[in-house]
Every structure is written in structure tokens, then in C-alpha cells.
């Protein structure tokens, strides 16, 4: 399944199946504004904007924000949150690897969990550099999966692997070295944790997220096989955890690598 179709399919459930809440997003926005020393004129771009979870707090504060995403349905979710769009927000359906903007257009470019999805990360970073103003910031961010949730996912991956055993396994994985690539271009970098918080879900919640195919790992099997894998997961959880009502809690982090353009 193509990534665009995958994100179109999960758009209505995207936010509820992730672990960054609107409240946390507000606090992260405050952190970002302080980090980049934002003024009322500061402009923001988020390629891979999705449902707008990261940028809506900036829009509500009155900043000029542009979001790009390949998924029309994800952008529609963003519009619905704002009851349309506002004068200070532009949403564009486009490939984030080919930014449709002139040079030196933005003060801040923000990306969250996008570099592993682009075909050529160096080309993408070159585009970021092109549209970023001198002295501007590129913020490469990610939400760190809570350990308990990551462990739960590993159990399901193991179950899925039984059904995928007959399929050829690709071990090719692009190595992404943002730090090295941007340092050689003269960028100054800094690593910061914008926010740490506790994430809690019941086992039943987590199973329902997988059942709705909310993540990329869920699309490797045909419907009939996937149904069997979900049943195996439920049986495993009952044996392993004792109850589907058990709550798993562990800390999450919003990490930020801040790069300053010379």
C-alpha cells in the first residue's frame, strides 16, 4: 500500500492512536517559540504536517504557518480542527521532497517523524536549506515511543512475522545522518528534550489501535491473515498480561535537534 493511501486511510484515527495530546502539543509549541526567539513576524513551515497536531498551537497564537502533506485526508482533518482555515495558515497538498516555495521563504522549518518517509533524505534537507532564511532554524523532531508501548509493539511484530515468513524480507534501510550532513554545510546544532510526559493505555486500547491498522507495520498482510494475527495477539495478551483491562504506563519524550543556518 502506498504511503499516501495509508495516511488517507488512517487520517480519522491518527491523533487518537498516537501519544502526543493537544495539551502536550501546546507545551511543545511554547518550547519551540522560546527556542527560536520568535517574534510576531516569525514564519513557520512544516513538511509532513498531517493533522496539524504540531502546528495548530502556533496558528492559534497568530503566527504565519504553512503546512504541506501528500495526504488530502490528513489535511482535511487539520482543517476540521480549525473549522476551516485561518488567514495565517496555508495548507498545501504536495510532495514534501519538492517544496513549492522560493528561496529564503521561512524563519523556521519543523519536521516530525518525516525523514524516514522521504525517498532521498539529502535532497529533502537541501530543499529545507533552500527555503530557510539565513539565521533560520531547522527543527528535526520526534516523539519517542513510550517503552511499555514499544515492548507491546514488539510482541505484535513477532506475531506478524509468523504470517510474513513466506514473504521476502528486505533488510535494506537508508542510513540517515542529519547531524553530519548539516554540520558540513556549516550549521550549528543543539539537542534538547522539549517535553517528557507519562502515557497510559489499556491493553484493549492498544489492541484496538492495531485492529484499526493505525500504523505502517499493520499493512503487510491481507485482511484474512491480519484477522488471524489480531486473534493471536488477543490470546497472547490474555496469557501474558492476565487481563485486557490492564493499564500500561511509561514515559514519552518530544526530542528536538535544532540546526541554525549560517
C-alpha atoms as a PDB file:
ATOM      1  CA  UNK A   1       0.000   0.000   0.000  1.00  0.00           C
ATOM      2  CA  UNK A   2       1.313   3.428  -0.940  1.00  0.00           C
ATOM      3  CA  UNK A   3       2.139   5.792   1.885  1.00  0.00           C
ATOM      4  CA  UNK A   4      -0.373   8.327   0.612  1.00  0.00           C
ATOM      5  CA  UNK A   5      -3.180   5.757   0.737  1.00  0.00           C
ATOM      6  CA  UNK A   6      -2.017   4.564   4.138  1.00  0.00           C
ATOM      7  CA  UNK A   7      -2.241   8.056   5.605  1.00  0.00           C
ATOM      8  CA  UNK A   8      -5.536   8.753   3.843  1.00  0.00           C
ATOM      9  CA  UNK A   9      -6.962   5.607   5.425  1.00  0.00           C
ATOM     10  CA  UNK A  10      -5.832   6.363   8.979  1.00  0.00           C
ATOM     11  CA  UNK A  11      -6.477  10.121   8.968  1.00  0.00           C
ATOM     12  CA  UNK A  12      -9.693   9.973  11.082  1.00  0.00           C
ATOM     13  CA  UNK A  13      -7.987   7.916  13.811  1.00  0.00           C
ATOM     14  CA  UNK A  14      -4.448   9.296  13.571  1.00  0.00           C
ATOM     15  CA  UNK A  15      -4.472  11.542  16.642  1.00  0.00           C
ATOM     16  CA  UNK A  16      -6.204   9.116  18.990  1.00  0.00           C
ATOM     17  CA  UNK A  17      -3.734   6.335  18.151  1.00  0.00           C
ATOM     18  CA  UNK A  18      -0.622   8.449  18.766  1.00  0.00           C
ATOM     19  CA  UNK A  19       0.663   9.609  22.126  1.00  0.00           C
ATOM     20  CA  UNK A  20       1.061  13.353  21.616  1.00  0.00           C
ATOM     21  CA  UNK A  21      -2.042  15.011  23.059  1.00  0.00           C
ATOM     22  CA  UNK A  22      -3.263  18.526  22.301  1.00  0.00           C
ATOM     23  CA  UNK A  23      -2.205  19.645  25.782  1.00  0.00           C
ATOM     24  CA  UNK A  24       1.338  18.361  25.279  1.00  0.00           C
ATOM     25  CA  UNK A  25       1.437  19.936  21.816  1.00  0.00           C
ATOM     26  CA  UNK A  26       0.633  23.313  23.388  1.00  0.00           C
ATOM     27  CA  UNK A  27       3.583  22.972  25.780  1.00  0.00           C
ATOM     28  CA  UNK A  28       5.884  21.876  22.959  1.00  0.00           C
ATOM     29  CA  UNK A  29       4.818  24.937  20.963  1.00  0.00           C
ATOM     30  CA  UNK A  30       5.780  27.186  23.884  1.00  0.00           C
ATOM     31  CA  UNK A  31       9.180  25.471  23.977  1.00  0.00           C
ATOM     32  CA  UNK A  32       9.693  25.967  20.227  1.00  0.00           C
ATOM     33  CA  UNK A  33       8.739  29.637  20.327  1.00  0.00           C
ATOM     34  CA  UNK A  34      11.252  30.262  23.097  1.00  0.00           C
ATOM     35  CA  UNK A  35      13.938  28.197  21.344  1.00  0.00           C
ATOM     36  CA  UNK A  36      13.756  30.175  18.081  1.00  0.00           C
ATOM     37  CA  UNK A  37      13.242  33.522  19.838  1.00  0.00           C
ATOM     38  CA  UNK A  38      10.041  34.009  17.880  1.00  0.00           C
ATOM     39  CA  UNK A  39       8.651  37.442  17.110  1.00  0.00           C
ATOM     40  CA  UNK A  40       5.180  38.203  15.716  1.00  0.00           C
ATOM     41  CA  UNK A  41       6.747  38.136  12.225  1.00  0.00           C
ATOM     42  CA  UNK A  42       8.330  34.671  12.544  1.00  0.00           C
ATOM     43  CA  UNK A  43       7.131  32.304   9.800  1.00  0.00           C
ATOM     44  CA  UNK A  44       6.891  28.519  10.132  1.00  0.00           C
ATOM     45  CA  UNK A  45       6.818  25.635   7.643  1.00  0.00           C
ATOM     46  CA  UNK A  46       6.028  22.009   8.483  1.00  0.00           C
ATOM     47  CA  UNK A  47       6.509  19.490   5.662  1.00  0.00           C
ATOM     48  CA  UNK A  48       4.513  16.363   6.523  1.00  0.00           C
ATOM     49  CA  UNK A  49       2.084  18.433   8.590  1.00  0.00           C
ATOM     50  CA  UNK A  50      -0.501  15.641   8.794  1.00  0.00           C
ATOM     51  CA  UNK A  51      -3.469  16.514  11.008  1.00  0.00           C
ATOM     52  CA  UNK A  52      -1.738  19.665  12.217  1.00  0.00           C
ATOM     53  CA  UNK A  53      -1.122  18.478  15.743  1.00  0.00           C
ATOM     54  CA  UNK A  54       2.272  20.187  15.895  1.00  0.00           C
ATOM     55  CA  UNK A  55       1.363  23.490  14.257  1.00  0.00           C
ATOM     56  CA  UNK A  56      -2.184  24.264  15.380  1.00  0.00           C
ATOM     57  CA  UNK A  57      -0.937  25.810  18.661  1.00  0.00           C
ATOM     58  CA  UNK A  58       1.259  28.133  16.570  1.00  0.00           C
ATOM     59  CA  UNK A  59      -1.669  29.039  14.323  1.00  0.00           C
ATOM     60  CA  UNK A  60      -3.853  29.825  17.340  1.00  0.00           C
ATOM     61  CA  UNK A  61      -1.135  32.131  18.653  1.00  0.00           C
ATOM     62  CA  UNK A  62      -1.266  34.114  15.413  1.00  0.00           C
ATOM     63  CA  UNK A  63       1.970  33.021  13.735  1.00  0.00           C
ATOM     64  CA  UNK A  64       2.253  32.611   9.971  1.00  0.00           C
ATOM     65  CA  UNK A  65       2.259  28.854   9.336  1.00  0.00           C
ATOM     66  CA  UNK A  66       2.440  26.762   6.166  1.00  0.00           C
ATOM     67  CA  UNK A  67       1.842  23.022   6.159  1.00  0.00           C
ATOM     68  CA  UNK A  68       2.475  20.519   3.368  1.00  0.00           C
ATOM     69  CA  UNK A  69       1.294  16.930   3.221  1.00  0.00           C
ATOM     70  CA  UNK A  70       0.828  14.338   0.497  1.00  0.00           C
ATOM     71  CA  UNK A  71      -2.405  13.106   2.102  1.00  0.00           C
ATOM     72  CA  UNK A  72      -5.545  15.104   1.335  1.00  0.00           C
ATOM     73  CA  UNK A  73      -7.428  13.366   4.139  1.00  0.00           C
ATOM     74  CA  UNK A  74      -4.816  14.289   6.746  1.00  0.00           C
ATOM     75  CA  UNK A  75      -5.064  17.923   5.651  1.00  0.00           C
ATOM     76  CA  UNK A  76      -8.853  17.728   5.876  1.00  0.00           C
ATOM     77  CA  UNK A  77      -8.530  16.606   9.493  1.00  0.00           C
ATOM     78  CA  UNK A  78      -6.396  19.676  10.178  1.00  0.00           C
ATOM     79  CA  UNK A  79      -8.996  21.957   8.589  1.00  0.00           C
ATOM     80  CA  UNK A  80     -11.788  20.390  10.627  1.00  0.00           C
ATOM     81  CA  UNK A  81      -9.936  21.141  13.860  1.00  0.00           C
ATOM     82  CA  UNK A  82      -9.869  24.812  12.895  1.00  0.00           C
ATOM     83  CA  UNK A  83     -13.349  24.843  11.345  1.00  0.00           C
ATOM     84  CA  UNK A  84     -11.713  25.571   8.008  1.00  0.00           C
ATOM     85  CA  UNK A  85      -8.505  27.551   7.724  1.00  0.00           C
ATOM     86  CA  UNK A  86      -7.412  30.905   9.070  1.00  0.00           C
ATOM     87  CA  UNK A  87      -5.686  33.804   7.349  1.00  0.00           C
ATOM     88  CA  UNK A  88      -2.342  32.895   8.922  1.00  0.00           C
ATOM     89  CA  UNK A  89      -2.398  29.228   7.798  1.00  0.00           C
ATOM     90  CA  UNK A  90      -1.716  27.757   4.353  1.00  0.00           C
ATOM     91  CA  UNK A  91      -2.253  24.036   3.773  1.00  0.00           C
ATOM     92  CA  UNK A  92      -0.893  22.560   0.553  1.00  0.00           C
ATOM     93  CA  UNK A  93      -1.192  19.023  -0.779  1.00  0.00           C
ATOM     94  CA  UNK A  94       2.230  18.313  -2.259  1.00  0.00           C
ATOM     95  CA  UNK A  95       5.309  16.119  -2.037  1.00  0.00           C
ATOM     96  CA  UNK A  96       7.426  17.406   0.843  1.00  0.00           C
ATOM     97  CA  UNK A  97      10.580  16.492  -1.099  1.00  0.00           C
ATOM     98  CA  UNK A  98       9.788  19.198  -3.661  1.00  0.00           C
ATOM     99  CA  UNK A  99       8.909  22.299  -1.702  1.00  0.00           C
ATOM    100  CA  UNK A 100       6.907  24.740  -3.874  1.00  0.00           C
ATOM    101  CA  UNK A 101       8.444  27.874  -2.402  1.00  0.00           C
ATOM    102  CA  UNK A 102      11.082  30.403  -3.368  1.00  0.00           C
ATOM    103  CA  UNK A 103      14.477  30.551  -1.686  1.00  0.00           C
ATOM    104  CA  UNK A 104      14.728  32.047   1.820  1.00  0.00           C
ATOM    105  CA  UNK A 105      10.977  31.891   2.496  1.00  0.00           C
ATOM    106  CA  UNK A 106      10.734  30.736   6.134  1.00  0.00           C
ATOM    107  CA  UNK A 107      12.286  31.520   9.508  1.00  0.00           C
ATOM    108  CA  UNK A 108      11.641  28.043  10.932  1.00  0.00           C
ATOM    109  CA  UNK A 109      11.205  24.659   9.239  1.00  0.00           C
ATOM    110  CA  UNK A 110       9.812  21.968  11.529  1.00  0.00           C
ATOM    111  CA  UNK A 111       9.708  18.257  10.748  1.00  0.00           C
ATOM    112  CA  UNK A 112       8.387  15.481  12.973  1.00  0.00           C
ATOM    113  CA  UNK A 113       8.894  11.830  12.019  1.00  0.00           C
ATOM    114  CA  UNK A 114       9.276  12.525   8.301  1.00  0.00           C
ATOM    115  CA  UNK A 115      12.861  11.854   7.226  1.00  0.00           C
ATOM    116  CA  UNK A 116      12.385   8.066   7.131  1.00  0.00           C
ATOM    117  CA  UNK A 117       9.454   8.521   4.716  1.00  0.00           C
ATOM    118  CA  UNK A 118      11.201  10.560   2.009  1.00  0.00           C
ATOM    119  CA  UNK A 119      12.856   8.862  -0.961  1.00  0.00           C
ATOM    120  CA  UNK A 120      16.121  10.828  -0.661  1.00  0.00           C
ATOM    121  CA  UNK A 121      16.810  12.467   2.695  1.00  0.00           C
ATOM    122  CA  UNK A 122      19.759  14.517   1.394  1.00  0.00           C
ATOM    123  CA  UNK A 123      17.629  16.011  -1.368  1.00  0.00           C
ATOM    124  CA  UNK A 124      14.960  16.782   1.206  1.00  0.00           C
ATOM    125  CA  UNK A 125      17.458  18.523   3.505  1.00  0.00           C
ATOM    126  CA  UNK A 126      18.772  20.506   0.538  1.00  0.00           C
ATOM    127  CA  UNK A 127      15.213  21.701  -0.053  1.00  0.00           C
ATOM    128  CA  UNK A 128      14.865  22.643   3.618  1.00  0.00           C
ATOM    129  CA  UNK A 129      18.082  24.631   3.392  1.00  0.00           C
ATOM    130  CA  UNK A 130      16.919  26.353   0.207  1.00  0.00           C
ATOM    131  CA  UNK A 131      13.657  27.668   1.670  1.00  0.00           C
ATOM    132  CA  UNK A 132      15.140  28.528   5.083  1.00  0.00           C
ATOM    133  CA  UNK A 133      16.202  32.124   5.647  1.00  0.00           C
ATOM    134  CA  UNK A 134      19.784  32.892   6.733  1.00  0.00           C
ATOM    135  CA  UNK A 135      19.913  32.622  10.515  1.00  0.00           C
ATOM    136  CA  UNK A 136      16.770  30.470  10.481  1.00  0.00           C
ATOM    137  CA  UNK A 137      16.151  27.221  12.341  1.00  0.00           C
ATOM    138  CA  UNK A 138      15.569  23.711  11.103  1.00  0.00           C
ATOM    139  CA  UNK A 139      13.986  21.685  13.913  1.00  0.00           C
ATOM    140  CA  UNK A 140      14.173  17.931  13.338  1.00  0.00           C
ATOM    141  CA  UNK A 141      11.876  16.401  15.952  1.00  0.00           C
ATOM    142  CA  UNK A 142      10.420  13.100  17.031  1.00  0.00           C
ATOM    143  CA  UNK A 143       8.151  11.733  19.729  1.00  0.00           C
ATOM    144  CA  UNK A 144       9.964   8.892  21.478  1.00  0.00           C
ATOM    145  CA  UNK A 145       7.675   5.875  21.818  1.00  0.00           C
ATOM    146  CA  UNK A 146       6.951   5.045  25.470  1.00  0.00           C
ATOM    147  CA  UNK A 147       8.933   1.888  26.417  1.00  0.00           C
ATOM    148  CA  UNK A 148       5.867  -0.110  27.512  1.00  0.00           C
ATOM    149  CA  UNK A 149       4.167   0.671  24.222  1.00  0.00           C
ATOM    150  CA  UNK A 150       7.313  -0.192  22.259  1.00  0.00           C
ATOM    151  CA  UNK A 151       7.535  -3.546  24.058  1.00  0.00           C
ATOM    152  CA  UNK A 152       3.879  -4.241  23.264  1.00  0.00           C
ATOM    153  CA  UNK A 153       4.535  -3.473  19.611  1.00  0.00           C
ATOM    154  CA  UNK A 154       7.471  -5.920  19.604  1.00  0.00           C
ATOM    155  CA  UNK A 155       5.124  -8.716  20.675  1.00  0.00           C
ATOM    156  CA  UNK A 156       2.815  -7.957  17.758  1.00  0.00           C
ATOM    157  CA  UNK A 157       5.727  -7.742  15.311  1.00  0.00           C
ATOM    158  CA  UNK A 158       6.743 -11.224  16.412  1.00  0.00           C
ATOM    159  CA  UNK A 159       3.212 -12.500  15.735  1.00  0.00           C
ATOM    160  CA  UNK A 160       3.110 -10.779  12.341  1.00  0.00           C
ATOM    161  CA  UNK A 161       6.442 -12.346  11.387  1.00  0.00           C
ATOM    162  CA  UNK A 162       4.857 -15.812  11.542  1.00  0.00           C
ATOM    163  CA  UNK A 163       2.412 -14.839   8.821  1.00  0.00           C
ATOM    164  CA  UNK A 164       5.013 -12.976   6.800  1.00  0.00           C
ATOM    165  CA  UNK A 165       7.515 -15.849   6.863  1.00  0.00           C
ATOM    166  CA  UNK A 166       6.836 -16.753   3.248  1.00  0.00           C
ATOM    167  CA  UNK A 167       7.425 -13.204   2.040  1.00  0.00           C
ATOM    168  CA  UNK A 168      10.906 -11.992   1.046  1.00  0.00           C
ATOM    169  CA  UNK A 169      12.366  -9.832   3.810  1.00  0.00           C
ATOM    170  CA  UNK A 170      14.108  -6.626   2.804  1.00  0.00           C
ATOM    171  CA  UNK A 171      16.999  -5.682   5.047  1.00  0.00           C
ATOM    172  CA  UNK A 172      17.822  -2.510   3.138  1.00  0.00           C
ATOM    173  CA  UNK A 173      17.458   0.574   5.309  1.00  0.00           C
ATOM    174  CA  UNK A 174      18.702   4.014   4.491  1.00  0.00           C
ATOM    175  CA  UNK A 175      21.163   5.419   6.990  1.00  0.00           C
ATOM    176  CA  UNK A 176      20.201   8.975   7.843  1.00  0.00           C
ATOM    177  CA  UNK A 177      22.918  11.240   9.241  1.00  0.00           C
ATOM    178  CA  UNK A 178      21.311  14.653   9.536  1.00  0.00           C
ATOM    179  CA  UNK A 179      23.917  15.825  12.025  1.00  0.00           C
ATOM    180  CA  UNK A 180      26.881  15.037   9.801  1.00  0.00           C
ATOM    181  CA  UNK A 181      25.242  16.309   6.620  1.00  0.00           C
ATOM    182  CA  UNK A 182      24.224  19.679   8.063  1.00  0.00           C
ATOM    183  CA  UNK A 183      27.433  20.174  10.045  1.00  0.00           C
ATOM    184  CA  UNK A 184      29.437  20.010   6.830  1.00  0.00           C
ATOM    185  CA  UNK A 185      27.191  22.748   5.482  1.00  0.00           C
ATOM    186  CA  UNK A 186      28.093  24.951   8.448  1.00  0.00           C
ATOM    187  CA  UNK A 187      25.005  24.524  10.609  1.00  0.00           C
ATOM    188  CA  UNK A 188      25.267  24.845  14.385  1.00  0.00           C
ATOM    189  CA  UNK A 189      23.259  22.201  16.217  1.00  0.00           C
ATOM    190  CA  UNK A 190      21.794  21.593  19.646  1.00  0.00           C
ATOM    191  CA  UNK A 191      19.873  18.649  21.094  1.00  0.00           C
ATOM    192  CA  UNK A 192      17.052  19.327  23.529  1.00  0.00           C
ATOM    193  CA  UNK A 193      14.137  17.483  25.102  1.00  0.00           C
ATOM    194  CA  UNK A 194      11.115  19.721  24.659  1.00  0.00           C
ATOM    195  CA  UNK A 195       8.810  17.727  26.912  1.00  0.00           C
ATOM    196  CA  UNK A 196       8.575  14.493  28.910  1.00  0.00           C
ATOM    197  CA  UNK A 197       5.203  13.057  29.926  1.00  0.00           C
ATOM    198  CA  UNK A 198       3.500   9.850  31.009  1.00  0.00           C
ATOM    199  CA  UNK A 199       1.477   7.824  28.515  1.00  0.00           C
ATOM    200  CA  UNK A 200      -1.115   5.295  29.719  1.00  0.00           C
ATOM    201  CA  UNK A 201      -3.267   2.883  27.710  1.00  0.00           C
ATOM    202  CA  UNK A 202      -5.139  -0.297  28.458  1.00  0.00           C
ATOM    203  CA  UNK A 203      -4.126  -3.450  26.631  1.00  0.00           C
ATOM    204  CA  UNK A 204      -7.540  -3.393  24.979  1.00  0.00           C
ATOM    205  CA  UNK A 205      -6.879   0.149  23.686  1.00  0.00           C
ATOM    206  CA  UNK A 206      -3.565  -0.883  22.156  1.00  0.00           C
ATOM    207  CA  UNK A 207      -5.104  -3.933  20.501  1.00  0.00           C
ATOM    208  CA  UNK A 208      -7.858  -1.747  19.043  1.00  0.00           C
ATOM    209  CA  UNK A 209      -5.211   0.576  17.562  1.00  0.00           C
ATOM    210  CA  UNK A 210      -3.619  -2.367  15.773  1.00  0.00           C
ATOM    211  CA  UNK A 211      -7.009  -3.740  14.777  1.00  0.00           C
ATOM    212  CA  UNK A 212      -7.799  -0.446  13.036  1.00  0.00           C
ATOM    213  CA  UNK A 213      -4.438  -0.699  11.196  1.00  0.00           C
ATOM    214  CA  UNK A 214      -3.285   2.643  12.559  1.00  0.00           C
ATOM    215  CA  UNK A 215       0.425   2.084  11.834  1.00  0.00           C
ATOM    216  CA  UNK A 216       2.539   1.209   8.825  1.00  0.00           C
ATOM    217  CA  UNK A 217       3.520  -2.199  10.227  1.00  0.00           C
ATOM    218  CA  UNK A 218      -0.157  -3.238  10.044  1.00  0.00           C
ATOM    219  CA  UNK A 219      -0.433  -3.149   6.246  1.00  0.00           C
ATOM    220  CA  UNK A 220       1.835  -6.055   5.289  1.00  0.00           C
ATOM    221  CA  UNK A 221      -0.848  -8.753   5.414  1.00  0.00           C
ATOM    222  CA  UNK A 222      -4.081  -9.463   3.552  1.00  0.00           C
ATOM    223  CA  UNK A 223      -7.285  -8.968   5.539  1.00  0.00           C
ATOM    224  CA  UNK A 224      -7.858 -12.656   6.313  1.00  0.00           C
ATOM    225  CA  UNK A 225      -4.318 -13.179   7.609  1.00  0.00           C
ATOM    226  CA  UNK A 226      -4.385  -9.930   9.540  1.00  0.00           C
ATOM    227  CA  UNK A 227      -7.572 -11.007  11.292  1.00  0.00           C
ATOM    228  CA  UNK A 228      -5.818 -14.197  12.411  1.00  0.00           C
ATOM    229  CA  UNK A 229      -2.817 -12.185  13.651  1.00  0.00           C
ATOM    230  CA  UNK A 230      -5.091  -9.943  15.746  1.00  0.00           C
ATOM    231  CA  UNK A 231      -6.731 -13.006  17.292  1.00  0.00           C
ATOM    232  CA  UNK A 232      -3.275 -14.368  18.128  1.00  0.00           C
ATOM    233  CA  UNK A 233      -2.394 -11.032  19.734  1.00  0.00           C
ATOM    234  CA  UNK A 234      -5.514 -11.098  21.922  1.00  0.00           C
ATOM    235  CA  UNK A 235      -4.755 -14.633  23.049  1.00  0.00           C
ATOM    236  CA  UNK A 236      -1.138 -13.734  23.790  1.00  0.00           C
ATOM    237  CA  UNK A 237      -2.163 -10.684  25.824  1.00  0.00           C
ATOM    238  CA  UNK A 238      -4.621 -12.637  27.936  1.00  0.00           C
ATOM    239  CA  UNK A 239      -1.906 -15.160  28.750  1.00  0.00           C
ATOM    240  CA  UNK A 240       0.890 -12.630  29.211  1.00  0.00           C
ATOM    241  CA  UNK A 241      -0.896  -9.773  30.996  1.00  0.00           C
ATOM    242  CA  UNK A 242      -3.800 -11.648  32.556  1.00  0.00           C
ATOM    243  CA  UNK A 243      -6.400  -9.089  31.509  1.00  0.00           C
ATOM    244  CA  UNK A 244      -7.106  -6.806  28.575  1.00  0.00           C
ATOM    245  CA  UNK A 245      -8.048  -4.093  31.086  1.00  0.00           C
ATOM    246  CA  UNK A 246      -4.516  -3.841  32.448  1.00  0.00           C
ATOM    247  CA  UNK A 247      -3.008  -0.375  32.037  1.00  0.00           C
ATOM    248  CA  UNK A 248       0.474   0.084  30.585  1.00  0.00           C
ATOM    249  CA  UNK A 249       2.182   3.328  31.599  1.00  0.00           C
ATOM    250  CA  UNK A 250       5.624   4.660  30.714  1.00  0.00           C
ATOM    251  CA  UNK A 251       7.292   7.994  29.843  1.00  0.00           C
ATOM    252  CA  UNK A 252       7.409   9.553  26.393  1.00  0.00           C
ATOM    253  CA  UNK A 253       9.692  12.326  25.116  1.00  0.00           C
ATOM    254  CA  UNK A 254       9.499  15.008  22.455  1.00  0.00           C
ATOM    255  CA  UNK A 255      13.083  15.320  21.214  1.00  0.00           C
ATOM    256  CA  UNK A 256      14.362  18.220  19.149  1.00  0.00           C
ATOM    257  CA  UNK A 257      17.561  18.592  17.156  1.00  0.00           C
ATOM    258  CA  UNK A 258      17.833  22.319  16.436  1.00  0.00           C
ATOM    259  CA  UNK A 259      20.021  23.400  13.492  1.00  0.00           C
ATOM    260  CA  UNK A 260      20.824  27.083  12.917  1.00  0.00           C
ATOM    261  CA  UNK A 261      21.534  28.190   9.355  1.00  0.00           C
ATOM    262  CA  UNK A 262      24.570  30.409   8.946  1.00  0.00           C
END
